[in-house]
Protein backbone atom coordinates (compact mmCIF):
# COMPACT_ATOMS: atom_id res chain seq x y z
CA MET A 1 75.62 72.76 116.19
CA ASP A 2 71.82 72.77 116.21
CA VAL A 3 70.31 73.91 119.51
CA THR A 4 66.68 73.14 120.35
CA LYS A 5 64.60 73.02 123.53
CA ASP A 6 65.82 69.45 124.07
CA ASN A 7 69.50 70.34 124.51
CA PHE A 8 69.33 74.10 125.21
CA ILE A 9 69.42 74.04 129.02
CA ASP A 10 72.31 71.57 129.09
CA LEU A 11 74.28 73.72 126.62
CA VAL A 12 73.81 77.06 128.41
CA PRO A 13 76.88 76.65 130.71
CA GLU A 14 79.03 75.75 127.70
CA ILE A 15 77.76 78.73 125.70
CA GLU A 16 78.29 81.04 128.67
CA SER A 17 81.91 79.88 128.82
CA LYS A 18 82.42 80.49 125.09
CA ILE A 19 80.99 84.02 125.35
CA SER A 20 83.29 84.83 128.26
CA ASP A 21 86.34 83.45 126.46
CA CYS A 22 85.81 84.81 122.91
CA ASP A 23 87.14 87.97 121.26
CA PHE A 24 83.95 88.71 119.32
CA VAL A 25 80.52 87.27 118.52
CA SER A 26 79.26 87.06 114.94
CA PHE A 27 75.56 86.56 114.38
CA ASP A 28 72.89 85.99 111.76
CA LEU A 29 69.08 85.83 111.92
CA GLU A 30 66.36 84.24 109.84
CA PHE A 31 62.85 85.64 110.16
CA THR A 32 59.32 85.11 108.85
CA GLY A 33 59.15 88.31 106.81
CA LEU A 34 60.80 91.57 105.80
CA PHE A 35 58.05 94.08 105.08
CA THR A 36 54.29 94.55 105.13
CA GLU A 37 54.20 97.63 102.89
CA TYR A 38 55.80 98.24 99.50
CA GLN A 39 56.69 101.92 99.69
CA ASN A 40 59.66 103.65 98.14
CA GLY A 41 62.08 104.78 100.84
CA PHE A 42 64.67 106.14 98.41
CA LEU A 43 64.45 109.64 99.90
CA ASP A 44 63.68 108.77 103.50
CA ASN A 45 65.66 110.71 106.08
CA HIS A 46 67.09 108.89 109.08
CA GLU A 47 63.93 109.16 111.19
CA GLN A 48 61.69 108.11 108.29
CA LEU A 49 63.97 105.19 107.45
CA TYR A 50 63.85 103.93 111.03
CA SER A 51 60.09 104.41 111.27
CA ARG A 52 59.46 102.52 108.03
CA CYS A 53 61.62 99.58 109.15
CA ARG A 54 60.03 99.59 112.60
CA ASN A 55 56.52 99.45 111.16
CA ASN A 56 57.45 96.78 108.64
CA ILE A 57 58.95 94.26 111.05
CA SER A 58 56.62 94.77 114.02
CA LYS A 59 54.51 91.68 113.21
CA PHE A 60 57.25 89.30 112.07
CA GLN A 61 59.25 86.79 114.06
CA ILE A 62 62.84 85.57 114.40
CA ILE A 63 62.82 81.82 113.81
CA GLN A 64 66.54 81.04 113.75
CA VAL A 65 69.59 82.66 115.35
CA GLY A 66 73.17 81.84 114.49
CA LEU A 67 75.90 82.74 117.00
CA SER A 68 79.59 82.11 116.40
CA PHE A 69 82.20 82.78 119.08
CA PHE A 70 85.68 83.54 117.72
CA LYS A 71 88.86 83.46 119.81
CA MET A 72 92.25 84.52 118.45
CA ILE A 73 94.99 81.94 119.05
CA THR A 74 97.60 83.81 116.95
CA GLU A 75 97.14 86.59 114.40
CA LYS A 76 96.85 83.82 111.77
CA GLU A 77 94.71 81.31 113.65
CA PHE A 78 91.30 81.45 115.33
CA ASP A 79 89.10 78.95 117.14
CA CYS A 80 85.36 79.13 116.59
CA HIS A 81 82.32 77.55 118.22
CA SER A 82 79.16 78.06 116.18
CA TYR A 83 75.57 77.39 117.28
CA ASN A 84 72.35 77.32 115.29
CA PHE A 85 69.34 78.09 117.53
CA TYR A 86 65.76 77.33 116.49
CA ILE A 87 63.47 79.98 118.05
CA PHE A 88 59.72 79.54 118.56
CA PRO A 89 57.50 81.71 120.82
CA ARG A 90 55.62 79.26 123.01
CA ARG A 91 52.58 80.06 125.13
CA CYS A 92 53.58 81.15 128.63
CA GLN A 93 51.11 80.52 131.44
CA LEU A 94 52.91 82.86 133.85
CA LEU A 95 52.39 85.94 131.70
CA SER A 96 49.35 88.18 131.98
CA LYS A 97 46.26 87.26 129.99
CA GLU A 98 47.28 89.60 127.15
CA GLY A 99 50.75 88.11 126.91
CA LYS A 100 50.10 84.39 127.30
CA GLU A 101 49.32 83.71 123.68
CA ARG A 102 51.91 84.62 121.05
CA TYR A 103 51.19 85.78 117.50
CA PHE A 104 53.18 86.70 114.41
CA LEU A 105 52.72 87.08 110.67
CA CYS A 106 54.48 85.31 107.84
CA GLN A 107 55.49 86.69 104.45
CA THR A 108 55.00 83.87 101.95
CA SER A 109 58.01 84.80 99.82
CA SER A 110 60.26 84.64 102.90
CA LEU A 111 58.99 81.18 103.85
CA GLU A 112 59.35 79.94 100.27
CA PHE A 113 62.93 81.20 100.24
CA LEU A 114 63.70 79.37 103.49
CA CYS A 115 62.07 76.18 102.17
CA GLN A 116 64.19 76.35 99.03
CA ASN A 117 67.26 76.51 101.26
CA GLY A 118 66.30 73.49 103.34
CA PHE A 119 64.82 75.13 106.43
CA ASN A 120 63.23 72.54 108.76
CA PHE A 121 59.89 74.05 109.85
CA ASN A 122 58.86 70.87 111.70
CA LYS A 123 61.97 71.19 113.84
CA LEU A 124 61.17 74.85 114.46
CA ILE A 125 57.61 74.27 115.70
CA CYS A 126 58.22 71.02 117.59
CA ASP A 127 61.62 71.76 119.10
CA GLY A 128 62.14 75.53 118.91
CA ILE A 129 63.40 77.38 122.00
CA SER A 130 60.97 79.87 123.50
CA TYR A 131 61.88 83.31 124.84
CA LEU A 132 60.62 86.30 126.83
CA ASN A 133 61.66 89.89 126.37
CA LEU A 134 63.19 91.62 129.39
CA SER A 135 59.94 93.10 130.72
CA GLN A 136 58.16 89.75 130.36
CA GLU A 137 61.05 88.03 132.15
CA LYS A 138 60.64 90.41 135.10
CA GLU A 139 56.94 89.56 135.30
CA VAL A 140 57.60 85.81 135.27
CA VAL A 141 60.39 85.99 137.88
CA GLU A 142 58.15 87.96 140.24
CA LYS A 143 55.36 85.39 139.91
CA LEU A 144 57.74 82.49 140.53
CA ASN A 145 59.33 84.10 143.60
CA GLN A 146 56.34 85.85 145.09
CA PRO A 147 53.03 84.16 144.28
CA ASN A 148 50.14 86.58 144.37
CA SER A 149 48.21 85.87 147.58
CA GLU A 150 45.11 87.55 146.17
CA SER A 151 44.80 84.87 143.51
CA ARG A 152 45.12 81.96 145.93
CA ILE A 153 42.19 79.60 146.38
CA GLN A 154 40.29 80.07 149.62
CA ILE A 155 38.95 76.71 150.87
CA GLY A 156 36.91 78.29 153.67
CA ASN A 157 34.20 75.99 155.00
CA ASN A 158 33.98 73.80 151.92
CA ASP A 159 33.91 70.32 153.55
CA ILE A 160 34.44 68.50 150.25
CA ASP A 161 37.62 70.44 149.51
CA LYS A 162 38.85 69.99 153.08
CA SER A 163 38.28 66.26 152.92
CA PHE A 164 40.11 66.04 149.57
CA ILE A 165 43.12 67.96 150.87
CA ASP A 166 43.27 65.95 154.12
CA GLU A 167 43.30 62.66 152.20
CA THR A 168 45.90 63.92 149.72
CA MET A 169 48.22 65.27 152.42
CA LYS A 170 48.01 61.92 154.27
CA LEU A 171 49.20 60.18 151.08
CA ILE A 172 52.04 62.67 150.73
CA ILE A 173 53.17 62.42 154.38
CA ASP A 174 53.12 58.60 154.29
CA PHE A 175 55.18 58.75 151.09
CA TYR A 176 57.72 61.13 152.66
CA ASN A 177 58.15 58.90 155.72
CA ASP A 178 58.72 55.80 153.58
CA ALA A 179 62.50 55.57 153.07
CA ASP A 180 62.12 53.03 150.27
CA ARG A 181 60.11 55.30 147.98
CA GLN A 182 61.61 58.21 146.03
CA GLU A 183 58.61 59.27 143.93
CA MET A 184 54.85 58.85 143.90
CA GLU A 185 51.99 59.50 141.50
CA LEU A 186 48.86 61.12 142.96
CA PRO A 187 45.36 60.14 141.77
CA PRO A 188 43.94 62.15 138.84
CA ALA A 189 42.42 65.54 139.70
CA ASN A 190 40.99 68.49 137.81
CA SER A 191 42.89 71.77 137.46
CA TYR A 192 41.16 73.31 140.50
CA ARG A 193 42.16 70.46 142.80
CA ARG A 194 45.66 70.23 141.38
CA ARG A 195 46.11 73.88 142.26
CA LEU A 196 44.86 73.17 145.80
CA ILE A 197 47.53 70.48 146.16
CA TYR A 198 50.34 72.77 144.96
CA GLU A 199 49.34 75.60 147.30
CA THR A 200 48.82 73.35 150.33
CA VAL A 201 52.22 71.66 149.97
CA ASN A 202 53.88 75.03 149.39
CA ASP A 203 52.45 76.23 152.72
CA SER A 204 53.57 73.11 154.57
CA GLN A 205 56.82 72.00 156.22
CA TYR A 206 57.52 69.85 153.15
CA LYS A 207 57.81 72.70 150.61
CA ASP A 208 61.64 72.45 150.47
CA LYS A 209 61.69 68.66 150.69
CA LEU A 210 59.28 67.64 147.95
CA LEU A 211 59.02 68.52 144.28
CA LEU A 212 55.62 68.49 142.59
CA GLU A 213 55.48 68.26 138.79
CA SER A 214 52.84 67.51 136.20
CA ASN A 215 52.95 63.99 134.84
CA ASN A 216 54.48 64.01 131.36
CA THR A 217 51.97 61.50 129.99
CA ASP A 218 48.85 62.47 131.93
CA LYS A 219 48.30 66.15 132.74
CA PHE A 220 45.59 65.28 135.32
CA LYS A 221 48.13 63.56 137.55
CA ILE A 222 50.85 65.07 139.76
CA MET A 223 54.23 63.43 140.38
CA VAL A 224 55.69 63.91 143.88
CA LYS A 225 59.47 63.46 144.31
CA LYS A 226 61.78 63.64 147.30
CA ILE A 227 64.42 66.26 146.77
CA SER A 228 67.05 68.25 148.66
CA LEU A 229 66.90 72.03 148.94
CA GLU A 230 69.88 72.34 146.59
CA GLU A 231 68.25 70.06 144.02
CA LYS A 232 65.01 71.99 144.30
CA GLU A 233 66.81 75.29 143.70
CA GLU A 234 68.52 73.81 140.65
CA THR A 235 65.18 72.54 139.34
CA LYS A 236 63.70 76.00 139.87
CA ARG A 237 66.63 77.57 138.02
CA LYS A 238 66.13 75.26 135.07
CA LYS A 239 62.41 75.95 135.06
CA LEU A 240 63.05 79.68 134.95
CA LEU A 241 65.62 79.17 132.21
CA GLU A 242 63.03 77.21 130.25
CA PHE A 243 60.63 80.16 130.48
CA ILE A 244 63.24 82.83 129.66
CA GLY A 245 64.69 80.67 126.90
CA PHE A 246 66.97 82.23 124.31
CA THR A 247 66.80 85.67 125.92
CA SER A 248 69.19 84.32 128.57
CA ILE A 249 71.87 84.01 125.85
CA ILE A 250 71.27 87.58 124.68
CA LYS A 251 71.63 88.76 128.29
CA LEU A 252 74.98 86.97 128.55
CA ILE A 253 76.22 88.73 125.41
CA ILE A 254 75.02 92.10 126.75
CA GLU A 255 76.76 91.53 130.06
CA SER A 256 79.99 90.45 128.32
CA ARG A 257 80.20 93.73 126.30
CA LYS A 258 81.83 91.68 123.53
CA PRO A 259 81.84 93.12 119.97
CA LEU A 260 78.94 91.99 117.78
CA VAL A 261 79.54 91.32 114.06
CA GLY A 262 76.79 90.97 111.45
CA HIS A 263 76.40 91.25 107.69
CA ASN A 264 74.01 93.82 106.21
CA CYS A 265 72.53 93.77 109.69
CA LYS A 266 70.28 96.85 109.93
CA LEU A 267 67.09 94.76 110.13
CA ASP A 268 68.79 92.11 112.26
CA LEU A 269 69.55 94.69 114.94
CA LEU A 270 65.95 95.93 114.98
CA TYR A 271 64.63 92.36 115.17
CA LEU A 272 67.10 91.54 117.93
CA TYR A 273 65.90 94.46 120.04
CA GLN A 274 62.20 93.99 119.32
CA THR A 275 62.21 90.25 120.07
CA PHE A 276 64.49 89.90 123.08
CA ILE A 277 64.74 93.38 124.64
CA GLY A 278 61.33 95.00 124.23
CA PRO A 279 59.15 97.06 121.86
CA LEU A 280 61.18 99.28 119.56
CA PRO A 281 61.17 102.94 120.69
CA GLU A 282 59.22 105.34 118.48
CA SER A 283 62.17 107.71 118.24
CA TYR A 284 65.19 106.84 116.11
CA SER A 285 67.55 108.72 118.43
CA GLU A 286 66.16 106.88 121.46
CA PHE A 287 66.67 103.53 119.72
CA LYS A 288 70.30 104.40 118.91
CA SER A 289 70.98 105.45 122.49
CA LEU A 290 69.36 102.37 124.06
CA PHE A 291 70.88 99.90 121.61
CA ASN A 292 74.37 101.36 121.96
CA SER A 293 74.12 101.16 125.76
CA LEU A 294 73.46 97.41 125.44
CA PHE A 295 75.80 96.59 122.55
CA PRO A 296 78.63 99.16 122.57
CA ALA A 297 80.52 97.80 119.54
CA VAL A 298 78.76 96.52 116.41
CA TYR A 299 80.40 95.85 113.03
CA ASP A 300 78.74 95.34 109.64
CA THR A 301 80.87 93.35 107.19
CA ARG A 302 78.85 94.57 104.21
CA PHE A 303 79.58 98.18 105.14
CA ILE A 304 83.25 97.43 105.84
CA SER A 305 83.69 95.68 102.49
CA SER A 306 82.20 98.68 100.63
CA GLN A 307 84.71 101.20 101.97
CA GLY A 308 87.92 102.54 100.47
CA ILE A 309 90.39 100.05 99.10
CA LEU A 310 88.12 97.09 99.88
CA ALA A 311 85.42 98.36 97.53
CA ASN A 312 87.87 97.94 94.64
CA LEU A 313 88.57 94.33 95.59
CA ILE A 314 85.00 93.11 96.13
CA SER A 315 82.57 93.69 93.27
CA ASN A 316 79.60 91.97 94.92
CA ASN A 317 79.44 91.97 98.71
CA CYS A 318 76.43 89.79 99.39
CA LEU A 319 77.53 87.31 102.04
CA ASN A 320 78.34 84.23 99.95
CA ASN A 321 80.29 86.32 97.39
CA LEU A 322 82.11 88.18 100.13
CA TYR A 323 83.12 84.92 101.79
CA ALA A 324 84.42 83.57 98.47
CA ALA A 325 86.40 86.78 97.88
CA ILE A 326 88.16 86.86 101.26
CA LEU A 327 89.45 83.33 100.71
CA GLU A 328 91.43 84.47 97.66
CA HIS A 329 94.42 86.76 96.96
CA PRO A 330 95.17 89.48 98.02
CA PHE A 331 93.48 88.73 101.33
CA ILE A 332 95.67 87.20 104.04
CA GLN A 333 94.57 83.66 104.73
CA THR A 334 93.53 82.71 108.24
CA VAL A 335 93.23 79.26 109.80
CA THR A 336 89.82 78.91 111.46
CA ASN A 337 89.26 75.86 113.62
CA LEU A 338 85.51 75.19 113.76
CA LYS A 339 85.32 73.13 116.95
CA ASN A 340 81.73 71.92 116.90
CA LEU A 341 80.95 71.29 113.22
CA VAL A 342 78.09 68.84 112.78
CA ASN A 343 77.14 69.08 109.10
CA GLU A 344 79.84 69.22 106.47
CA GLY A 345 79.71 71.54 103.46
CA GLU A 346 78.24 74.95 102.66
CA ARG A 347 74.83 75.69 104.18
CA PHE A 348 74.07 79.25 103.09
CA HIS A 349 70.99 80.81 104.72
CA GLU A 350 71.25 78.58 107.75
CA ALA A 351 71.80 81.07 110.56
CA GLY A 352 74.58 79.12 112.30
CA TYR A 353 76.62 78.72 109.10
CA ASP A 354 76.02 82.30 107.95
CA SER A 355 77.18 83.64 111.32
CA TYR A 356 80.34 81.53 110.95
CA ILE A 357 81.26 82.84 107.49
CA THR A 358 80.36 86.37 108.60
CA GLY A 359 82.95 86.07 111.37
CA CYS A 360 85.54 84.61 108.96
CA SER A 361 84.91 87.49 106.53
CA PHE A 362 85.30 90.06 109.31
CA ILE A 363 88.67 88.63 110.36
CA ASN A 364 90.13 88.64 106.85
CA LEU A 365 88.78 92.10 106.02
CA ILE A 366 90.28 93.59 109.18
CA ARG A 367 93.57 91.71 108.75
CA TYR A 368 93.89 93.07 105.21
CA LEU A 369 93.21 96.64 106.37
CA TYR A 370 95.69 96.21 109.22
CA ALA A 371 98.39 94.97 106.83
CA GLN A 372 98.04 98.15 104.74
CA GLU A 373 98.83 100.31 107.75
CA PHE A 374 101.33 98.30 109.79
CA THR A 375 104.39 96.28 108.84
CA THR A 376 103.99 93.76 111.65
CA ILE A 377 100.61 92.37 112.64
CA THR A 378 100.48 92.31 116.42
CA ASN A 379 96.81 92.93 117.14
CA VAL A 380 94.10 92.30 114.57
CA PHE A 381 91.61 94.24 116.69
CA SER A 382 93.61 97.45 116.80
CA ASN A 383 91.54 100.54 117.59
CA GLU A 384 93.27 102.40 114.78
CA ILE A 385 91.53 100.15 112.26
CA LEU A 386 88.26 99.32 113.95
CA SER A 387 87.38 102.85 115.08
CA ASN A 388 86.68 103.86 111.48
CA VAL A 389 84.00 101.19 111.00
CA ARG A 390 82.67 100.62 114.52
CA ASN A 391 78.89 101.09 114.92
CA LYS A 392 78.45 102.08 111.28
CA ILE A 393 75.63 99.98 109.83
CA GLY A 394 75.28 99.99 106.05
CA ILE A 395 72.08 101.15 104.32
CA VAL A 396 71.05 99.85 100.90
CA GLY A 397 68.49 101.49 98.59
CA ASN A 398 68.60 105.07 99.90
CA TYR A 399 69.76 108.05 97.85
CA ASP A 400 72.27 109.63 100.22
CA ILE A 401 72.17 107.65 103.48
CA LYS A 402 74.92 105.06 103.08
CA TYR A 403 75.11 104.10 106.74
CA ILE A 404 73.71 104.91 110.17
CA ASN A 405 75.98 105.60 113.12
CA LEU A 406 74.85 103.95 116.34
CA GLU A 407 77.16 105.88 118.65
CA LYS A 408 77.50 109.34 117.05
CA GLU A 409 75.41 111.89 115.19
CA ASP A 410 74.57 110.85 111.65
CA ILE A 411 75.87 112.88 108.72
CA SER A 412 73.53 115.78 107.92
CA LEU A 413 71.60 115.42 104.67
CA VAL A 414 71.94 118.18 102.05
CA ARG A 415 68.92 117.99 99.73
CA ASN A 416 68.64 121.52 98.34
CA HIS A 417 68.80 120.02 94.85
CA VAL A 418 65.88 117.64 95.43
CA PHE A 419 62.43 118.82 94.36
CA HIS A 420 58.82 117.78 94.57
CA ILE A 421 57.15 118.36 91.19
CA MET A 422 53.50 118.34 90.08
CA HIS A 423 52.89 117.09 86.53
CA PRO A 424 50.09 115.99 84.18
CA LYS A 425 48.87 112.45 84.71
CA GLU A 426 49.91 111.31 81.24
CA TRP A 427 53.54 112.30 81.71
CA LYS A 428 56.13 109.54 81.66
CA THR A 429 59.62 109.47 83.13
CA ASN A 430 61.18 110.79 79.93
CA ASP A 431 58.88 113.84 79.91
CA ILE A 432 60.19 114.87 83.33
CA TYR A 433 63.80 114.21 82.33
CA GLN A 434 63.34 116.47 79.28
CA LEU A 435 61.95 119.24 81.48
CA PHE A 436 65.31 119.45 83.28
CA THR A 437 67.63 118.88 80.30
CA GLU A 438 68.85 122.47 80.04
CA TYR A 439 69.66 122.51 83.76
CA GLY A 440 72.14 119.64 83.67
CA GLY A 441 69.61 116.83 83.73
CA LEU A 442 68.40 114.63 86.54
CA TYR A 443 70.13 112.02 88.64
CA SER A 444 66.84 110.27 89.36
CA VAL A 445 63.04 110.57 89.21
CA ARG A 446 60.90 108.90 91.89
CA PHE A 447 57.15 108.93 91.27
CA ILE A 448 54.87 109.45 94.27
CA ASN A 449 51.57 109.08 92.42
CA ASP A 450 50.06 109.86 88.98
CA TYR A 451 50.48 113.61 89.48
CA SER A 452 53.71 114.11 91.40
CA ALA A 453 57.28 112.93 91.74
CA PHE A 454 60.60 113.67 93.42
CA CYS A 455 63.35 114.93 91.11
CA ILE A 456 67.05 114.92 91.99
CA LEU A 457 69.32 117.24 89.99
CA ARG A 458 72.47 115.80 88.53
CA GLN A 459 74.20 119.17 88.99
CA PRO A 460 73.26 120.58 92.42
CA GLU A 461 74.76 123.97 91.62
CA ASN A 462 71.87 124.60 89.21
CA ALA A 463 69.27 124.36 91.97
CA GLY A 464 68.84 128.15 92.28
CA LEU A 465 68.08 128.57 88.57
CA VAL A 466 65.67 125.63 88.56
CA ILE A 467 63.56 127.02 91.39
CA LYS A 468 63.37 130.42 89.64
CA VAL A 469 62.27 129.00 86.29
CA LEU A 470 60.04 126.12 87.35
CA PHE A 471 58.65 127.65 90.54
CA PHE A 472 55.05 127.09 89.45
CA VAL A 473 55.29 123.29 89.22
CA LEU A 474 57.82 122.39 91.92
CA GLN A 475 58.90 123.03 95.47
CA LEU A 476 61.92 122.16 97.56
CA TYR A 477 61.95 118.67 99.06
CA ALA A 478 62.39 120.19 102.53
CA ASP A 479 59.32 122.41 102.01
CA TYR A 480 57.29 119.44 100.80
CA VAL A 481 58.18 117.44 103.91
CA GLY A 482 57.90 120.42 106.25
CA ASN A 483 54.48 121.49 104.97
CA GLY A 484 53.00 118.06 105.50
CA ASN A 485 52.77 117.41 101.74
CA LYS A 486 50.18 120.22 101.39
CA ARG A 487 51.56 121.88 98.29
CA LYS A 488 48.76 123.74 96.46
CA LEU A 489 49.17 124.23 92.71
CA SER A 490 46.72 124.99 89.94
CA ASN A 491 44.76 121.79 89.39
CA GLU A 492 43.23 123.23 86.22
CA TYR A 493 46.69 123.85 84.82
CA ILE A 494 47.97 120.41 85.79
CA GLU A 495 44.88 118.60 84.44
CA SER A 496 44.63 120.50 81.14
CA SER A 497 48.27 120.85 80.21
CA LYS A 498 50.11 118.50 77.94
CA PRO A 499 53.87 117.95 78.03
CA LYS A 500 54.38 119.99 74.86
CA LYS A 501 52.33 122.93 76.21
CA ILE A 502 54.27 123.08 79.48
CA ARG A 503 57.55 122.92 77.64
CA LYS A 504 56.37 125.66 75.26
CA ASP A 505 55.36 127.85 78.21
CA LEU A 506 58.75 127.21 79.75
CA GLU A 507 60.66 128.21 76.60
CA VAL A 508 59.37 131.75 76.92
CA ASN A 509 59.51 131.80 80.71
CA SER A 510 62.98 130.29 80.84
CA GLN A 511 64.57 132.86 78.55
CA GLN A 512 63.37 135.76 80.69
CA LYS A 513 64.17 133.99 83.96
CA GLN A 514 67.69 133.20 82.72
CA ILE A 515 68.25 136.88 82.03
CA ASP A 516 66.84 137.86 85.42
CA TYR A 517 68.93 135.21 87.16
CA ASN A 518 72.17 136.28 85.49
CA ASN A 519 71.57 139.88 86.54
CA SER A 520 70.37 139.13 90.05
CA ASP A 521 72.18 139.59 93.33
CA VAL A 522 72.34 135.81 93.69
CA LEU A 523 75.56 135.86 91.66
CA ASN A 524 76.99 138.83 93.56
CA GLU A 525 79.08 137.47 96.40
CA ASN A 526 79.08 140.86 98.14
CA SER A 527 75.31 141.32 97.97
CA ASP A 528 73.55 142.40 101.15
CA SER A 529 70.15 141.60 99.69
CA THR A 530 67.57 140.29 102.15
CA SER A 531 65.09 139.33 99.44
CA ASN A 532 62.59 136.62 100.29
CA ASP A 533 62.95 135.11 96.82
CA SER A 534 63.15 131.31 97.13
CA SER A 535 66.55 131.16 95.38
CA GLN A 536 68.05 132.99 98.37
CA LEU A 537 67.10 130.10 100.64
CA PHE A 538 69.63 127.74 99.08
CA GLU A 539 72.90 126.64 100.53
CA ILE A 540 74.26 125.19 97.31
CA PRO A 541 76.45 122.16 98.05
CA SER A 542 79.94 122.19 96.56
CA TRP A 543 79.86 118.54 95.57
CA SER A 544 78.18 117.07 92.50
CA VAL A 545 76.20 113.88 92.02
CA SER A 546 77.65 111.38 89.59
């Protein structure tokens, strides 16, 4: 079901009920861009990975949110209510001067992609639901409940203003005493005088008996309506809800503590926090702590489908392929009753539909895992199954970070076999690969610029020998990062040397270094040597890269 500013307020009670009643919430987001910088993050550590994502998305905007609320009827049948929210950050007069206007960037390729998939940008801009983050909401609520007396207009001895207010109040009092009239339109007035009217009525005995609103067709006119205190409170509630907008739904989900399910949702979680909670913390650990306190259980279907036995069943786990796979054997079929379907057929990359198929995929993945462990399926959401994948968010495109853990310490990175190397400008990838051939070869080469690259050994156990032989052109990855990228090597050597010359130098150097290495205390397990030689700094990992 599409939700816009026209039906949002009326649907909030229904959505609140669905959140309270559901077993989990699946979600999907569409946004105006993914990144503002094209930098290789293949060897980022956890902090660098978070910082890069944080910087990339800081200027972009969520424009569509899909939320699907799943409730288990039996272990084989679920009900689902799915909503597709259009989100647009409207100007808010109650915010401070710096926050009134809203800005965001667009990445053209992202907008083109959305256009190709039928995204309705007219609907977004004309009918999108606004929002405030939590700190902005606090500011607006305070202004609505406690108007700042310092900013009030002081009429003083201005006879013209006094005369205007006296005449206007006479019209209002006559209207209130006329039992046959329920609403009245005041004569046109400029913004200054309209404000005088609002403040004067609010200070009068009629403040809880009359409602003043701007005329929908003429902003210079004020509509005055008779209203009960209860009706006025309800109108005030709806007005506040209009300001807070979609953030009110996020608050309901936070308060419910219901599990949150996404697909490949690393960026989605950052966007969710940045847009509706507040600015992303600078520290990765602080973000994890704050996010986990708000959303204690998050599941990533892409990560789940890449683990253990499931990885052998699903060759391509992008969302549409994953959904197709879980509908076939050997997955256990589930009946899903979509209660509020509006548009028939597949609508990939529409947030509401994608959140729906994400939830369906989650159910069938978990049911399959449960069936491997237990003879009788009694509880699809058993802790025995879910604890292994809870709060583990998959990472794509990094060398050795396969997921981040939102509730526990992340796995320590062992990169003693990763090096930063300086090389002649004319060297190509193959020249660097050849340099490491006799040491088991390289898993990967990642160029930094024309003169340097990161090299990852295919056989980590050879790291000690490599640093002994090639010490004059490389350094440990940890040293490169720790020294602020200030490695100093011979520029004359780097500039003047050709690939053949370096390799020739190494042929002589390597033979002697191999002899020295074989005879060194490095190979003596009982050695008490405290040498400062760089090979002694290694903690050689026992695993190998394949």
